[in-house]
Amino acid sequence: MDLLENGHIDIMLMTWNPAISGYTLTSYYNYLSSENFFLKAFGLNGYESSDFNENDNAISGNYYGATIMCKITSVSSDMLPGVGNQLFQSAFAALQLPYSIIGLSRTNNYVENFAIGLPL
């Protein structure tokens, strides 16, 4: 996951620690400068607080099962698709990010097409 929202994918690791008889959470910051790019996207369900009563402070939530697709042109002028899913599992204590990360690799162009599909 991207811990500092700087475009570099960082690592979080949970391990069993027998000294404390519990789990420890360790994060590794990716400080390496690379020319690889990622697209971070997420779909929201569109609910606003006005859709509920005045006492409820509801905001949009993540959309389960959203599929995100984009097309980019690579450095060698090839069209490359990038596809990702958002929250494709909601049971059995799934440890998924609430958004989708799509690797764009090395590119010197813009994302040409971007689409998101939402299940009904």
PDB file of N, CA and C in Angstrom:
ATOM      1  N   MET A   1       0.835  -1.179   0.000  1.00  0.00           N
ATOM      2  CA  MET A   1       0.000   0.000   0.000  1.00  0.00           C
ATOM      3  C   MET A   1       0.874   1.234   0.000  1.00  0.00           C
ATOM      4  N   ASP A   2       0.315   2.343  -0.369  1.00  0.00           N
ATOM      5  CA  ASP A   2       1.033   3.608  -0.435  1.00  0.00           C
ATOM      6  C   ASP A   2       0.840   4.344   0.893  1.00  0.00           C
ATOM      7  N   LEU A   3       1.788   4.204   1.799  1.00  0.00           N
ATOM      8  CA  LEU A   3       1.635   4.742   3.153  1.00  0.00           C
ATOM      9  C   LEU A   3       1.665   6.263   3.204  1.00  0.00           C
ATOM     10  N   LEU A   4       2.548   6.893   2.449  1.00  0.00           N
ATOM     11  CA  LEU A   4       2.704   8.343   2.523  1.00  0.00           C
ATOM     12  C   LEU A   4       2.060   9.072   1.352  1.00  0.00           C
ATOM     13  N   GLU A   5       1.281   8.353   0.525  1.00  0.00           N
ATOM     14  CA  GLU A   5       0.608   8.950  -0.634  1.00  0.00           C
ATOM     15  C   GLU A   5       1.598   9.685  -1.534  1.00  0.00           C
ATOM     16  N   ASN A   6       2.760   9.057  -1.786  1.00  0.00           N
ATOM     17  CA  ASN A   6       3.774   9.679  -2.623  1.00  0.00           C
ATOM     18  C   ASN A   6       3.982   8.951  -3.948  1.00  0.00           C
ATOM     19  N   GLY A   7       3.169   7.957  -4.241  1.00  0.00           N
ATOM     20  CA  GLY A   7       3.268   7.243  -5.507  1.00  0.00           C
ATOM     21  C   GLY A   7       4.164   6.027  -5.479  1.00  0.00           C
ATOM     22  N   HIS A   8       4.802   5.755  -4.364  1.00  0.00           N
ATOM     23  CA  HIS A   8       5.647   4.568  -4.230  1.00  0.00           C
ATOM     24  C   HIS A   8       4.893   3.524  -3.416  1.00  0.00           C
ATOM     25  N   ILE A   9       4.926   2.285  -3.874  1.00  0.00           N
ATOM     26  CA  ILE A   9       4.229   1.217  -3.168  1.00  0.00           C
ATOM     27  C   ILE A   9       5.102   0.749  -2.008  1.00  0.00           C
ATOM     28  N   ASP A  10       4.577   0.870  -0.797  1.00  0.00           N
ATOM     29  CA  ASP A  10       5.269   0.453   0.421  1.00  0.00           C
ATOM     30  C   ASP A  10       4.733  -0.907   0.863  1.00  0.00           C
ATOM     31  N   ILE A  11       5.387  -1.500   1.860  1.00  0.00           N
ATOM     32  CA  ILE A  11       5.044  -2.852   2.310  1.00  0.00           C
ATOM     33  C   ILE A  11       4.681  -2.815   3.790  1.00  0.00           C
ATOM     34  N   MET A  12       3.589  -3.501   4.141  1.00  0.00           N
ATOM     35  CA  MET A  12       3.239  -3.710   5.543  1.00  0.00           C
ATOM     36  C   MET A  12       3.258  -5.208   5.801  1.00  0.00           C
ATOM     37  N   LEU A  13       3.868  -5.613   6.918  1.00  0.00           N
ATOM     38  CA  LEU A  13       4.053  -7.020   7.228  1.00  0.00           C
ATOM     39  C   LEU A  13       3.586  -7.284   8.651  1.00  0.00           C
ATOM     40  N   MET A  14       2.705  -8.285   8.810  1.00  0.00           N
ATOM     41  CA  MET A  14       2.243  -8.679  10.135  1.00  0.00           C
ATOM     42  C   MET A  14       2.826 -10.051  10.451  1.00  0.00           C
ATOM     43  N   THR A  15       3.511 -10.166  11.573  1.00  0.00           N
ATOM     44  CA  THR A  15       4.149 -11.430  11.955  1.00  0.00           C
ATOM     45  C   THR A  15       3.776 -11.773  13.391  1.00  0.00           C
ATOM     46  N   TRP A  16       3.842 -13.066  13.681  1.00  0.00           N
ATOM     47  CA  TRP A  16       3.601 -13.560  15.039  1.00  0.00           C
ATOM     48  C   TRP A  16       4.875 -13.390  15.854  1.00  0.00           C
ATOM     49  N   ASN A  17       4.767 -12.766  17.002  1.00  0.00           N
ATOM     50  CA  ASN A  17       5.907 -12.544  17.879  1.00  0.00           C
ATOM     51  C   ASN A  17       5.710 -13.383  19.137  1.00  0.00           C
ATOM     52  N   PRO A  18       6.479 -14.489  19.283  1.00  0.00           N
ATOM     53  CA  PRO A  18       6.284 -15.346  20.453  1.00  0.00           C
ATOM     54  C   PRO A  18       6.707 -14.687  21.768  1.00  0.00           C
ATOM     55  N   ALA A  19       7.549 -13.665  21.717  1.00  0.00           N
ATOM     56  CA  ALA A  19       7.992 -13.008  22.948  1.00  0.00           C
ATOM     57  C   ALA A  19       6.845 -12.282  23.635  1.00  0.00           C
ATOM     58  N   ILE A  20       5.912 -11.757  22.872  1.00  0.00           N
ATOM     59  CA  ILE A  20       4.777 -11.043  23.460  1.00  0.00           C
ATOM     60  C   ILE A  20       3.470 -11.816  23.292  1.00  0.00           C
ATOM     61  N   SER A  21       3.559 -12.996  22.686  1.00  0.00           N
ATOM     62  CA  SER A  21       2.386 -13.833  22.405  1.00  0.00           C
ATOM     63  C   SER A  21       1.315 -13.056  21.637  1.00  0.00           C
ATOM     64  N   GLY A  22       1.760 -12.330  20.641  1.00  0.00           N
ATOM     65  CA  GLY A  22       0.836 -11.537  19.833  1.00  0.00           C
ATOM     66  C   GLY A  22       1.465 -11.176  18.503  1.00  0.00           C
ATOM     67  N   TYR A  23       0.715 -10.461  17.724  1.00  0.00           N
ATOM     68  CA  TYR A  23       1.177 -10.046  16.408  1.00  0.00           C
ATOM     69  C   TYR A  23       1.854  -8.684  16.473  1.00  0.00           C
ATOM     70  N   THR A  24       2.838  -8.489  15.619  1.00  0.00           N
ATOM     71  CA  THR A  24       3.474  -7.187  15.465  1.00  0.00           C
ATOM     72  C   THR A  24       3.306  -6.741  14.017  1.00  0.00           C
ATOM     73  N   LEU A  25       3.114  -5.461  13.829  1.00  0.00           N
ATOM     74  CA  LEU A  25       2.925  -4.880  12.510  1.00  0.00           C
ATOM     75  C   LEU A  25       4.146  -4.040  12.184  1.00  0.00           C
ATOM     76  N   THR A  26       4.764  -4.327  11.052  1.00  0.00           N
ATOM     77  CA  THR A  26       5.956  -3.623  10.611  1.00  0.00           C
ATOM     78  C   THR A  26       5.682  -3.036   9.235  1.00  0.00           C
ATOM     79  N   SER A  27       6.100  -1.810   9.022  1.00  0.00           N
ATOM     80  CA  SER A  27       5.949  -1.199   7.703  1.00  0.00           C
ATOM     81  C   SER A  27       7.325  -0.862   7.151  1.00  0.00           C
ATOM     82  N   TYR A  28       7.474  -1.067   5.859  1.00  0.00           N
ATOM     83  CA  TYR A  28       8.720  -0.784   5.158  1.00  0.00           C
ATOM     84  C   TYR A  28       8.455   0.309   4.140  1.00  0.00           C
ATOM     85  N   TYR A  29       9.138   1.415   4.298  1.00  0.00           N
ATOM     86  CA  TYR A  29       8.977   2.561   3.420  1.00  0.00           C
ATOM     87  C   TYR A  29       9.832   2.365   2.174  1.00  0.00           C
ATOM     88  N   ASN A  30       9.249   2.522   1.015  1.00  0.00           N
ATOM     89  CA  ASN A  30       9.957   2.387  -0.250  1.00  0.00           C
ATOM     90  C   ASN A  30      10.582   3.738  -0.596  1.00  0.00           C
ATOM     91  N   TYR A  31      11.854   3.881  -0.323  1.00  0.00           N
ATOM     92  CA  TYR A  31      12.546   5.143  -0.568  1.00  0.00           C
ATOM     93  C   TYR A  31      13.265   5.166  -1.911  1.00  0.00           C
ATOM     94  N   LEU A  32      13.226   4.054  -2.656  1.00  0.00           N
ATOM     95  CA  LEU A  32      13.917   3.990  -3.937  1.00  0.00           C
ATOM     96  C   LEU A  32      13.197   4.833  -4.977  1.00  0.00           C
ATOM     97  N   SER A  33      13.958   5.589  -5.717  1.00  0.00           N
ATOM     98  CA  SER A  33      13.393   6.387  -6.796  1.00  0.00           C
ATOM     99  C   SER A  33      13.351   5.526  -8.048  1.00  0.00           C
ATOM    100  N   SER A  34      12.166   5.350  -8.604  1.00  0.00           N
ATOM    101  CA  SER A  34      12.046   4.525  -9.803  1.00  0.00           C
ATOM    102  C   SER A  34      11.218   5.259 -10.850  1.00  0.00           C
ATOM    103  N   GLU A  35      11.269   4.760 -12.048  1.00  0.00           N
ATOM    104  CA  GLU A  35      10.519   5.361 -13.142  1.00  0.00           C
ATOM    105  C   GLU A  35       9.216   4.607 -13.394  1.00  0.00           C
ATOM    106  N   ASN A  36       8.815   3.775 -12.454  1.00  0.00           N
ATOM    107  CA  ASN A  36       7.573   3.032 -12.601  1.00  0.00           C
ATOM    108  C   ASN A  36       6.437   3.827 -11.977  1.00  0.00           C
ATOM    109  N   PHE A  37       5.288   3.803 -12.649  1.00  0.00           N
ATOM    110  CA  PHE A  37       4.153   4.580 -12.188  1.00  0.00           C
ATOM    111  C   PHE A  37       2.976   3.663 -11.883  1.00  0.00           C
ATOM    112  N   PHE A  38       2.112   4.126 -10.997  1.00  0.00           N
ATOM    113  CA  PHE A  38       0.921   3.388 -10.587  1.00  0.00           C
ATOM    114  C   PHE A  38      -0.277   4.311 -10.674  1.00  0.00           C
ATOM    115  N   LEU A  39      -1.425   3.720 -10.948  1.00  0.00           N
ATOM    116  CA  LEU A  39      -2.688   4.453 -10.945  1.00  0.00           C
ATOM    117  C   LEU A  39      -3.508   3.934  -9.775  1.00  0.00           C
ATOM    118  N   LYS A  40      -3.900   4.832  -8.915  1.00  0.00           N
ATOM    119  CA  LYS A  40      -4.699   4.469  -7.734  1.00  0.00           C
ATOM    120  C   LYS A  40      -6.106   4.989  -7.970  1.00  0.00           C
ATOM    121  N   ALA A  41      -7.084   4.084  -7.972  1.00  0.00           N
ATOM    122  CA  ALA A  41      -8.459   4.482  -8.264  1.00  0.00           C
ATOM    123  C   ALA A  41      -9.410   3.730  -7.348  1.00  0.00           C
ATOM    124  N   PHE A  42     -10.538   4.362  -7.041  1.00  0.00           N
ATOM    125  CA  PHE A  42     -11.569   3.678  -6.265  1.00  0.00           C
ATOM    126  C   PHE A  42     -12.940   4.221  -6.644  1.00  0.00           C
ATOM    127  N   GLY A  43     -13.921   3.339  -6.533  1.00  0.00           N
ATOM    128  CA  GLY A  43     -15.293   3.714  -6.822  1.00  0.00           C
ATOM    129  C   GLY A  43     -16.074   3.871  -5.532  1.00  0.00           C
ATOM    130  N   LEU A  44     -16.925   4.866  -5.492  1.00  0.00           N
ATOM    131  CA  LEU A  44     -17.760   5.116  -4.322  1.00  0.00           C
ATOM    132  C   LEU A  44     -19.209   4.828  -4.670  1.00  0.00           C
ATOM    133  N   ASN A  45     -20.000   4.515  -3.666  1.00  0.00           N
ATOM    134  CA  ASN A  45     -21.387   4.142  -3.929  1.00  0.00           C
ATOM    135  C   ASN A  45     -22.300   5.337  -4.156  1.00  0.00           C
ATOM    136  N   GLY A  46     -21.860   6.552  -3.927  1.00  0.00           N
ATOM    137  CA  GLY A  46     -22.615   7.739  -4.288  1.00  0.00           C
ATOM    138  C   GLY A  46     -23.607   8.238  -3.272  1.00  0.00           C
ATOM    139  N   TYR A  47     -23.702   7.647  -2.094  1.00  0.00           N
ATOM    140  CA  TYR A  47     -24.628   8.140  -1.080  1.00  0.00           C
ATOM    141  C   TYR A  47     -24.098   9.433  -0.467  1.00  0.00           C
ATOM    142  N   GLU A  48     -24.975  10.343  -0.243  1.00  0.00           N
ATOM    143  CA  GLU A  48     -24.627  11.587   0.432  1.00  0.00           C
ATOM    144  C   GLU A  48     -25.434  11.696   1.713  1.00  0.00           C
ATOM    145  N   SER A  49     -25.068  12.616   2.578  1.00  0.00           N
ATOM    146  CA  SER A  49     -25.794  12.755   3.841  1.00  0.00           C
ATOM    147  C   SER A  49     -27.224  13.221   3.610  1.00  0.00           C
ATOM    148  N   SER A  50     -27.511  13.885   2.475  1.00  0.00           N
ATOM    149  CA  SER A  50     -28.872  14.328   2.200  1.00  0.00           C
ATOM    150  C   SER A  50     -29.782  13.159   1.820  1.00  0.00           C
ATOM    151  N   ASP A  51     -29.199  11.990   1.475  1.00  0.00           N
ATOM    152  CA  ASP A  51     -30.001  10.819   1.148  1.00  0.00           C
ATOM    153  C   ASP A  51     -30.567  10.146   2.399  1.00  0.00           C
ATOM    154  N   PHE A  52     -30.102  10.537   3.558  1.00  0.00           N
ATOM    155  CA  PHE A  52     -30.541   9.960   4.824  1.00  0.00           C
ATOM    156  C   PHE A  52     -31.252  11.051   5.628  1.00  0.00           C
ATOM    157  N   ASN A  53     -31.608  10.735   6.838  1.00  0.00           N
ATOM    158  CA  ASN A  53     -32.252  11.766   7.657  1.00  0.00           C
ATOM    159  C   ASN A  53     -31.221  12.777   8.163  1.00  0.00           C
ATOM    160  N   GLU A  54     -31.677  13.889   8.741  1.00  0.00           N
ATOM    161  CA  GLU A  54     -30.768  14.964   9.127  1.00  0.00           C
ATOM    162  C   GLU A  54     -29.795  14.576  10.227  1.00  0.00           C
ATOM    163  N   ASN A  55     -30.145  13.596  11.054  1.00  0.00           N
ATOM    164  CA  ASN A  55     -29.295  13.229  12.180  1.00  0.00           C
ATOM    165  C   ASN A  55     -28.195  12.246  11.790  1.00  0.00           C
ATOM    166  N   ASP A  56     -28.235  11.722  10.593  1.00  0.00           N
ATOM    167  CA  ASP A  56     -27.260  10.729  10.159  1.00  0.00           C
ATOM    168  C   ASP A  56     -26.151  11.418   9.370  1.00  0.00           C
ATOM    169  N   ASN A  57     -24.913  11.214   9.745  1.00  0.00           N
ATOM    170  CA  ASN A  57     -23.774  11.818   9.054  1.00  0.00           C
ATOM    171  C   ASN A  57     -23.123  10.825   8.105  1.00  0.00           C
ATOM    172  N   ALA A  58     -23.900  10.194   7.255  1.00  0.00           N
ATOM    173  CA  ALA A  58     -23.371   9.188   6.340  1.00  0.00           C
ATOM    174  C   ALA A  58     -22.630   9.851   5.189  1.00  0.00           C
ATOM    175  N   ILE A  59     -21.580   9.191   4.746  1.00  0.00           N
ATOM    176  CA  ILE A  59     -20.844   9.636   3.570  1.00  0.00           C
ATOM    177  C   ILE A  59     -20.714   8.456   2.623  1.00  0.00           C
ATOM    178  N   SER A  60     -20.212   8.693   1.428  1.00  0.00           N
ATOM    179  CA  SER A  60     -20.052   7.618   0.448  1.00  0.00           C
ATOM    180  C   SER A  60     -19.125   6.543   0.985  1.00  0.00           C
ATOM    181  N   GLY A  61     -19.457   5.310   0.627  1.00  0.00           N
ATOM    182  CA  GLY A  61     -18.626   4.182   1.001  1.00  0.00           C
ATOM    183  C   GLY A  61     -18.042   3.518  -0.230  1.00  0.00           C
ATOM    184  N   ASN A  62     -17.110   2.628  -0.004  1.00  0.00           N
ATOM    185  CA  ASN A  62     -16.483   1.927  -1.117  1.00  0.00           C
ATOM    186  C   ASN A  62     -17.467   0.978  -1.781  1.00  0.00           C
ATOM    187  N   TYR A  63     -17.291   0.785  -3.058  1.00  0.00           N
ATOM    188  CA  TYR A  63     -18.177  -0.058  -3.845  1.00  0.00           C
ATOM    189  C   TYR A  63     -17.521  -1.429  -3.987  1.00  0.00           C
ATOM    190  N   TYR A  64     -18.184  -2.479  -3.508  1.00  0.00           N
ATOM    191  CA  TYR A  64     -17.639  -3.827  -3.602  1.00  0.00           C
ATOM    192  C   TYR A  64     -17.762  -4.342  -5.031  1.00  0.00           C
ATOM    193  N   GLY A  65     -16.681  -4.896  -5.553  1.00  0.00           N
ATOM    194  CA  GLY A  65     -16.696  -5.532  -6.865  1.00  0.00           C
ATOM    195  C   GLY A  65     -16.485  -4.606  -8.035  1.00  0.00           C
ATOM    196  N   ALA A  66     -16.048  -3.380  -7.829  1.00  0.00           N
ATOM    197  CA  ALA A  66     -15.803  -2.468  -8.940  1.00  0.00           C
ATOM    198  C   ALA A  66     -14.604  -2.939  -9.757  1.00  0.00           C
ATOM    199  N   THR A  67     -14.698  -2.833 -11.070  1.00  0.00           N
ATOM    200  CA  THR A  67     -13.608  -3.192 -11.972  1.00  0.00           C
ATOM    201  C   THR A  67     -13.132  -1.926 -12.672  1.00  0.00           C
ATOM    202  N   ILE A  68     -11.827  -1.689 -12.621  1.00  0.00           N
ATOM    203  CA  ILE A  68     -11.242  -0.483 -13.173  1.00  0.00           C
ATOM    204  C   ILE A  68     -10.349  -0.872 -14.339  1.00  0.00           C
ATOM    205  N   MET A  69     -10.452  -0.156 -15.462  1.00  0.00           N
ATOM    206  CA  MET A  69      -9.630  -0.438 -16.631  1.00  0.00           C
ATOM    207  C   MET A  69      -9.109   0.867 -17.212  1.00  0.00           C
ATOM    208  N   CYS A  70      -7.860   0.831 -17.663  1.00  0.00           N
ATOM    209  CA  CYS A  70      -7.279   1.991 -18.334  1.00  0.00           C
ATOM    210  C   CYS A  70      -6.391   1.509 -19.475  1.00  0.00           C
ATOM    211  N   LYS A  71      -6.147   2.387 -20.431  1.00  0.00           N
ATOM    212  CA  LYS A  71      -5.247   2.093 -21.546  1.00  0.00           C
ATOM    213  C   LYS A  71      -4.196   3.179 -21.601  1.00  0.00           C
ATOM    214  N   ILE A  72      -2.960   2.740 -21.753  1.00  0.00           N
ATOM    215  CA  ILE A  72      -1.848   3.681 -21.876  1.00  0.00           C
ATOM    216  C   ILE A  72      -1.014   3.290 -23.081  1.00  0.00           C
ATOM    217  N   THR A  73      -0.202   4.220 -23.547  1.00  0.00           N
ATOM    218  CA  THR A  73       0.758   3.944 -24.604  1.00  0.00           C
ATOM    219  C   THR A  73       2.127   3.825 -23.964  1.00  0.00           C
ATOM    220  N   SER A  74       2.800   2.706 -24.195  1.00  0.00           N
ATOM    221  CA  SER A  74       4.100   2.470 -23.571  1.00  0.00           C
ATOM    222  C   SER A  74       5.190   3.266 -24.282  1.00  0.00           C
ATOM    223  N   VAL A  75       6.413   3.160 -23.782  1.00  0.00           N
ATOM    224  CA  VAL A  75       7.553   3.852 -24.367  1.00  0.00           C
ATOM    225  C   VAL A  75       7.800   3.357 -25.793  1.00  0.00           C
ATOM    226  N   SER A  76       7.476   2.080 -26.063  1.00  0.00           N
ATOM    227  CA  SER A  76       7.679   1.517 -27.406  1.00  0.00           C
ATOM    228  C   SER A  76       6.442   1.688 -28.295  1.00  0.00           C
ATOM    229  N   SER A  77       5.544   2.585 -27.938  1.00  0.00           N
ATOM    230  CA  SER A  77       4.331   2.919 -28.705  1.00  0.00           C
ATOM    231  C   SER A  77       3.338   1.776 -28.813  1.00  0.00           C
ATOM    232  N   ASP A  78       3.305   0.883 -27.858  1.00  0.00           N
ATOM    233  CA  ASP A  78       2.313  -0.186 -27.812  1.00  0.00           C
ATOM    234  C   ASP A  78       1.184   0.219 -26.866  1.00  0.00           C
ATOM    235  N   MET A  79      -0.045  -0.151 -27.236  1.00  0.00           N
ATOM    236  CA  MET A  79      -1.192   0.093 -26.356  1.00  0.00           C
ATOM    237  C   MET A  79      -1.240  -1.006 -25.299  1.00  0.00           C
ATOM    238  N   LEU A  80      -1.207  -0.627 -24.038  1.00  0.00           N
ATOM    239  CA  LEU A  80      -1.221  -1.583 -22.937  1.00  0.00           C
ATOM    240  C   LEU A  80      -2.453  -1.368 -22.076  1.00  0.00           C
ATOM    241  N   PRO A  81      -3.224  -2.435 -21.809  1.00  0.00           N
ATOM    242  CA  PRO A  81      -4.353  -2.283 -20.890  1.00  0.00           C
ATOM    243  C   PRO A  81      -3.897  -2.524 -19.453  1.00  0.00           C
ATOM    244  N   GLY A  82      -4.533  -1.847 -18.547  1.00  0.00           N
ATOM    245  CA  GLY A  82      -4.324  -2.072 -17.125  1.00  0.00           C
ATOM    246  C   GLY A  82      -5.671  -2.317 -16.476  1.00  0.00           C
ATOM    247  N   VAL A  83      -5.787  -3.395 -15.724  1.00  0.00           N
ATOM    248  CA  VAL A  83      -7.063  -3.767 -15.133  1.00  0.00           C
ATOM    249  C   VAL A  83      -6.860  -4.055 -13.653  1.00  0.00           C
ATOM    250  N   GLY A  84      -7.807  -3.635 -12.832  1.00  0.00           N
ATOM    251  CA  GLY A  84      -7.757  -3.912 -11.406  1.00  0.00           C
ATOM    252  C   GLY A  84      -9.151  -4.048 -10.823  1.00  0.00           C
ATOM    253  N   ASN A  85      -9.247  -4.747  -9.706  1.00  0.00           N
ATOM    254  CA  ASN A  85     -10.521  -4.930  -9.006  1.00  0.00           C
ATOM    255  C   ASN A  85     -10.444  -4.267  -7.649  1.00  0.00           C
ATOM    256  N   GLN A  86     -11.583  -3.803  -7.193  1.00  0.00           N
ATOM    257  CA  GLN A  86     -11.664  -3.174  -5.877  1.00  0.00           C
ATOM    258  C   GLN A  86     -12.552  -4.013  -4.984  1.00  0.00           C
ATOM    259  N   LEU A  87     -12.022  -4.443  -3.861  1.00  0.00           N
ATOM    260  CA  LEU A  87     -12.770  -5.185  -2.844  1.00  0.00           C
ATOM    261  C   LEU A  87     -13.583  -6.330  -3.447  1.00  0.00           C
ATOM    262  N   PHE A  88     -12.888  -7.273  -4.039  1.00  0.00           N
ATOM    263  CA  PHE A  88     -13.569  -8.396  -4.669  1.00  0.00           C
ATOM    264  C   PHE A  88     -13.991  -9.456  -3.669  1.00  0.00           C
ATOM    265  N   GLN A  89     -13.628  -9.314  -2.410  1.00  0.00           N
ATOM    266  CA  GLN A  89     -14.046 -10.255  -1.373  1.00  0.00           C
ATOM    267  C   GLN A  89     -14.395  -9.462  -0.121  1.00  0.00           C
ATOM    268  N   SER A  90     -15.548  -9.756   0.473  1.00  0.00           N
ATOM    269  CA  SER A  90     -15.949  -9.014   1.660  1.00  0.00           C
ATOM    270  C   SER A  90     -16.129  -9.903   2.885  1.00  0.00           C
ATOM    271  N   ALA A  91     -15.858 -11.183   2.748  1.00  0.00           N
ATOM    272  CA  ALA A  91     -16.052 -12.105   3.864  1.00  0.00           C
ATOM    273  C   ALA A  91     -14.732 -12.775   4.235  1.00  0.00           C
ATOM    274  N   PHE A  92     -14.753 -13.509   5.324  1.00  0.00           N
ATOM    275  CA  PHE A  92     -13.606 -14.286   5.790  1.00  0.00           C
ATOM    276  C   PHE A  92     -12.399 -13.409   6.085  1.00  0.00           C
ATOM    277  N   ALA A  93     -12.598 -12.235   6.665  1.00  0.00           N
ATOM    278  CA  ALA A  93     -11.540 -11.333   7.110  1.00  0.00           C
ATOM    279  C   ALA A  93     -10.548 -11.014   6.003  1.00  0.00           C
ATOM    280  N   ALA A  94     -11.044 -10.601   4.851  1.00  0.00           N
ATOM    281  CA  ALA A  94     -10.178 -10.272   3.718  1.00  0.00           C
ATOM    282  C   ALA A  94      -9.349  -9.039   4.030  1.00  0.00           C
ATOM    283  N   LEU A  95      -8.059  -9.112   3.742  1.00  0.00           N
ATOM    284  CA  LEU A  95      -7.151  -7.992   3.978  1.00  0.00           C
ATOM    285  C   LEU A  95      -6.864  -7.310   2.647  1.00  0.00           C
ATOM    286  N   GLN A  96      -7.848  -6.625   2.136  1.00  0.00           N
ATOM    287  CA  GLN A  96      -7.688  -5.943   0.861  1.00  0.00           C
ATOM    288  C   GLN A  96      -7.689  -4.440   1.073  1.00  0.00           C
ATOM    289  N   LEU A  97      -7.036  -3.736   0.165  1.00  0.00           N
ATOM    290  CA  LEU A  97      -7.044  -2.289   0.211  1.00  0.00           C
ATOM    291  C   LEU A  97      -8.403  -1.777  -0.252  1.00  0.00           C
ATOM    292  N   PRO A  98      -8.858  -0.648   0.231  1.00  0.00           N
ATOM    293  CA  PRO A  98     -10.160  -0.138  -0.188  1.00  0.00           C
ATOM    294  C   PRO A  98     -10.136   0.516  -1.569  1.00  0.00           C
ATOM    295  N   TYR A  99      -9.037   0.414  -2.262  1.00  0.00           N
ATOM    296  CA  TYR A  99      -8.899   0.977  -3.601  1.00  0.00           C
ATOM    297  C   TYR A  99      -8.137  -0.012  -4.469  1.00  0.00           C
ATOM    298  N   SER A 100      -8.016   0.306  -5.742  1.00  0.00           N
ATOM    299  CA  SER A 100      -7.318  -0.552  -6.687  1.00  0.00           C
ATOM    300  C   SER A 100      -6.038   0.140  -7.135  1.00  0.00           C
ATOM    301  N   ILE A 101      -4.952  -0.608  -7.187  1.00  0.00           N
ATOM    302  CA  ILE A 101      -3.679  -0.084  -7.669  1.00  0.00           C
ATOM    303  C   ILE A 101      -3.343  -0.812  -8.965  1.00  0.00           C
ATOM    304  N   ILE A 102      -3.172  -0.054 -10.041  1.00  0.00           N
ATOM    305  CA  ILE A 102      -2.852  -0.613 -11.347  1.00  0.00           C
ATOM    306  C   ILE A 102      -1.455  -0.153 -11.722  1.00  0.00           C
ATOM    307  N   GLY A 103      -0.578  -1.105 -12.016  1.00  0.00           N
ATOM    308  CA  GLY A 103       0.780  -0.782 -12.430  1.00  0.00           C
ATOM    309  C   GLY A 103       0.809  -0.308 -13.870  1.00  0.00           C
ATOM    310  N   LEU A 104       1.391   0.864 -14.108  1.00  0.00           N
ATOM    311  CA  LEU A 104       1.485   1.416 -15.456  1.00  0.00           C
ATOM    312  C   LEU A 104       2.862   1.212 -16.062  1.00  0.00           C
ATOM    313  N   SER A 105       3.806   0.702 -15.325  1.00  0.00           N
ATOM    314  CA  SER A 105       5.206   0.488 -15.712  1.00  0.00           C
ATOM    315  C   SER A 105       5.826   1.811 -16.155  1.00  0.00           C
ATOM    316  N   ARG A 106       6.755   1.731 -17.064  1.00  0.00           N
ATOM    317  CA  ARG A 106       7.413   2.945 -17.545  1.00  0.00           C
ATOM    318  C   ARG A 106       6.619   3.511 -18.710  1.00  0.00           C
ATOM    319  N   THR A 107       6.256   4.730 -18.592  1.00  0.00           N
ATOM    320  CA  THR A 107       5.510   5.383 -19.663  1.00  0.00           C
ATOM    321  C   THR A 107       5.849   6.864 -19.668  1.00  0.00           C
ATOM    322  N   ASN A 108       5.795   7.444 -20.843  1.00  0.00           N
ATOM    323  CA  ASN A 108       6.011   8.890 -20.967  1.00  0.00           C
ATOM    324  C   ASN A 108       4.759   9.579 -21.499  1.00  0.00           C
ATOM    325  N   ASN A 109       3.626   8.883 -21.446  1.00  0.00           N
ATOM    326  CA  ASN A 109       2.370   9.404 -21.960  1.00  0.00           C
ATOM    327  C   ASN A 109       1.319   9.465 -20.859  1.00  0.00           C
ATOM    328  N   TYR A 110       0.163   9.998 -21.218  1.00  0.00           N
ATOM    329  CA  TYR A 110      -0.958  10.083 -20.295  1.00  0.00           C
ATOM    330  C   TYR A 110      -1.781   8.797 -20.353  1.00  0.00           C
ATOM    331  N   VAL A 111      -2.629   8.615 -19.376  1.00  0.00           N
ATOM    332  CA  VAL A 111      -3.623   7.551 -19.440  1.00  0.00           C
ATOM    333  C   VAL A 111      -4.648   7.989 -20.475  1.00  0.00           C
ATOM    334  N   GLU A 112      -4.821   7.184 -21.532  1.00  0.00           N
ATOM    335  CA  GLU A 112      -5.675   7.597 -22.641  1.00  0.00           C
ATOM    336  C   GLU A 112      -7.140   7.301 -22.395  1.00  0.00           C
ATOM    337  N   ASN A 113      -7.454   6.123 -21.893  1.00  0.00           N
ATOM    338  CA  ASN A 113      -8.837   5.741 -21.591  1.00  0.00           C
ATOM    339  C   ASN A 113      -8.902   5.258 -20.160  1.00  0.00           C
ATOM    340  N   PHE A 114      -9.980   5.641 -19.479  1.00  0.00           N
ATOM    341  CA  PHE A 114     -10.188   5.185 -18.118  1.00  0.00           C
ATOM    342  C   PHE A 114     -11.665   4.861 -17.968  1.00  0.00           C
ATOM    343  N   ALA A 115     -11.957   3.674 -17.480  1.00  0.00           N
ATOM    344  CA  ALA A 115     -13.352   3.258 -17.294  1.00  0.00           C
ATOM    345  C   ALA A 115     -13.472   2.465 -16.004  1.00  0.00           C
ATOM    346  N   ILE A 116     -14.659   2.555 -15.403  1.00  0.00           N
ATOM    347  CA  ILE A 116     -14.927   1.786 -14.194  1.00  0.00           C
ATOM    348  C   ILE A 116     -16.282   1.100 -14.382  1.00  0.00           C
ATOM    349  N   GLY A 117     -16.327  -0.174 -14.058  1.00  0.00           N
ATOM    350  CA  GLY A 117     -17.564  -0.943 -14.143  1.00  0.00           C
ATOM    351  C   GLY A 117     -18.059  -1.298 -12.756  1.00  0.00           C
ATOM    352  N   LEU A 118     -19.324  -1.014 -12.496  1.00  0.00           N
ATOM    353  CA  LEU A 118     -19.899  -1.266 -11.187  1.00  0.00           C
ATOM    354  C   LEU A 118     -20.972  -2.327 -11.299  1.00  0.00           C
ATOM    355  N   PRO A 119     -20.936  -3.378 -10.459  1.00  0.00           N
ATOM    356  CA  PRO A 119     -21.984  -4.399 -10.509  1.00  0.00           C
ATOM    357  C   PRO A 119     -23.283  -3.857  -9.935  1.00  0.00           C
ATOM    358  N   LEU A 120     -24.368  -4.359 -10.459  1.00  0.00           N
ATOM    359  CA  LEU A 120     -25.679  -3.922  -9.970  1.00  0.00           C
ATOM    360  C   LEU A 120     -26.200  -4.860  -8.918  1.00  0.00           C
TER     361      LEU A 120
END
